[in-house]
């Protein structure tokens, strides 16, 4: 059962593009992109989608600004808690180091 020297076309199941394949080398020798679908039906829908994206972006930015304002207070409280914990439980013995065994 020998392979034919004629190329054949296969449609990509993922993107819908047409691929021309050489059976001898088993390589894609040509590619025809699938026709692009319209993202929006009209300019009104595109404008509404862009406005919604802008509002979402502004909301995320406002939340990040608020978090940044509070981050200094949060970090100061975490540091104070860590210092308090360190003072309450002082280290009574030296930590184990491998080179002390020599």
Protein backbone atom coordinates (compact mmCIF):
# COMPACT_ATOMS: atom_id res chain seq x y z
CA UNK A 1 0.00 0.00 0.00
CA UNK A 2 1.96 3.03 -1.24
CA UNK A 3 1.36 6.66 -0.52
CA UNK A 4 0.09 8.89 -3.27
CA UNK A 5 2.14 11.92 -4.25
CA UNK A 6 -0.99 14.07 -4.34
CA UNK A 7 -1.49 16.56 -1.55
CA UNK A 8 -4.70 16.52 0.41
CA UNK A 9 -6.60 19.09 2.43
CA UNK A 10 -7.76 18.77 6.02
CA UNK A 11 -9.85 21.21 8.02
CA UNK A 12 -8.43 22.10 11.45
CA UNK A 13 -11.03 21.13 14.08
CA UNK A 14 -9.87 23.91 16.39
CA UNK A 15 -9.80 27.03 14.20
CA UNK A 16 -11.48 25.89 10.97
CA UNK A 17 -8.46 26.64 8.75
CA UNK A 18 -7.77 24.50 5.68
CA UNK A 19 -4.39 22.75 5.80
CA UNK A 20 -2.76 21.32 2.67
CA UNK A 21 -0.61 18.32 3.62
CA UNK A 22 2.08 16.54 1.63
CA UNK A 23 1.67 12.76 2.25
CA UNK A 24 5.31 11.92 1.54
CA UNK A 25 6.92 14.35 3.97
CA UNK A 26 3.85 14.55 6.23
CA UNK A 27 4.28 18.30 6.44
CA UNK A 28 1.81 21.16 6.15
CA UNK A 29 2.73 22.89 2.90
CA UNK A 30 -0.10 25.44 2.76
CA UNK A 31 -2.48 27.06 5.19
CA UNK A 32 -5.69 28.95 4.43
CA UNK A 33 -7.08 30.80 7.43
CA UNK A 34 -10.71 30.42 8.37
CA UNK A 35 -12.94 33.43 7.65
CA UNK A 36 -13.07 35.79 10.60
CA UNK A 37 -16.32 36.12 12.46
CA UNK A 38 -17.74 39.51 13.32
CA UNK A 39 -17.05 40.41 16.92
CA UNK A 40 -19.95 42.86 17.11
CA UNK A 41 -23.04 43.27 14.99
CA UNK A 42 -22.95 47.07 14.98
CA UNK A 43 -21.04 50.04 16.35
CA UNK A 44 -23.53 50.53 19.18
CA UNK A 45 -22.78 47.09 20.62
CA UNK A 46 -19.03 47.69 20.24
CA UNK A 47 -19.32 51.05 22.00
CA UNK A 48 -21.31 49.49 24.87
CA UNK A 49 -18.73 46.71 25.26
CA UNK A 50 -15.87 49.23 25.34
CA UNK A 51 -17.69 51.37 27.90
CA UNK A 52 -18.28 48.31 30.08
CA UNK A 53 -14.60 47.35 29.82
CA UNK A 54 -13.57 50.91 30.80
CA UNK A 55 -15.87 50.83 33.84
CA UNK A 56 -14.50 47.44 34.89
CA UNK A 57 -10.92 48.69 34.50
CA UNK A 58 -11.66 51.83 36.57
CA UNK A 59 -13.26 49.70 39.29
CA UNK A 60 -10.23 47.40 39.50
CA UNK A 61 -7.91 50.43 39.61
CA UNK A 62 -9.92 52.07 42.40
CA UNK A 63 -9.77 48.84 44.43
CA UNK A 64 -6.00 48.59 43.96
CA UNK A 65 -5.54 52.23 45.04
CA UNK A 66 -7.59 51.59 48.20
CA UNK A 67 -5.59 48.44 48.94
CA UNK A 68 -2.33 50.36 48.47
CA UNK A 69 -3.46 53.07 50.91
CA UNK A 70 -4.21 50.45 53.56
CA UNK A 71 -1.14 48.34 52.90
CA UNK A 72 1.15 50.51 55.06
CA UNK A 73 -1.17 50.11 58.06
CA UNK A 74 -1.50 46.38 57.46
CA UNK A 75 2.26 45.91 57.18
CA UNK A 76 2.86 47.96 60.36
CA UNK A 77 0.35 45.82 62.27
CA UNK A 78 1.91 42.61 60.96
CA UNK A 79 5.38 43.83 61.97
CA UNK A 80 4.18 44.79 65.47
CA UNK A 81 2.54 41.38 65.90
CA UNK A 82 5.72 39.60 64.77
CA UNK A 83 7.85 41.68 67.19
CA UNK A 84 5.44 40.91 70.03
CA UNK A 85 5.58 37.21 69.24
CA UNK A 86 9.39 37.29 69.06
CA UNK A 87 9.68 39.01 72.45
CA UNK A 88 7.29 36.54 74.11
CA UNK A 89 9.21 33.47 73.02
CA UNK A 90 12.95 34.18 73.09
CA UNK A 91 15.34 31.57 71.76
CA UNK A 92 16.86 29.71 74.72
CA UNK A 93 19.36 27.55 72.87
CA UNK A 94 21.56 28.10 69.90
CA UNK A 95 20.30 26.86 66.55
CA UNK A 96 21.82 23.65 65.24
CA UNK A 97 24.48 24.18 62.58
CA UNK A 98 26.10 21.40 60.60
CA UNK A 99 29.64 22.75 60.85
CA UNK A 100 29.44 22.58 64.69
CA UNK A 101 29.68 18.80 64.36
CA UNK A 102 33.23 18.89 63.01
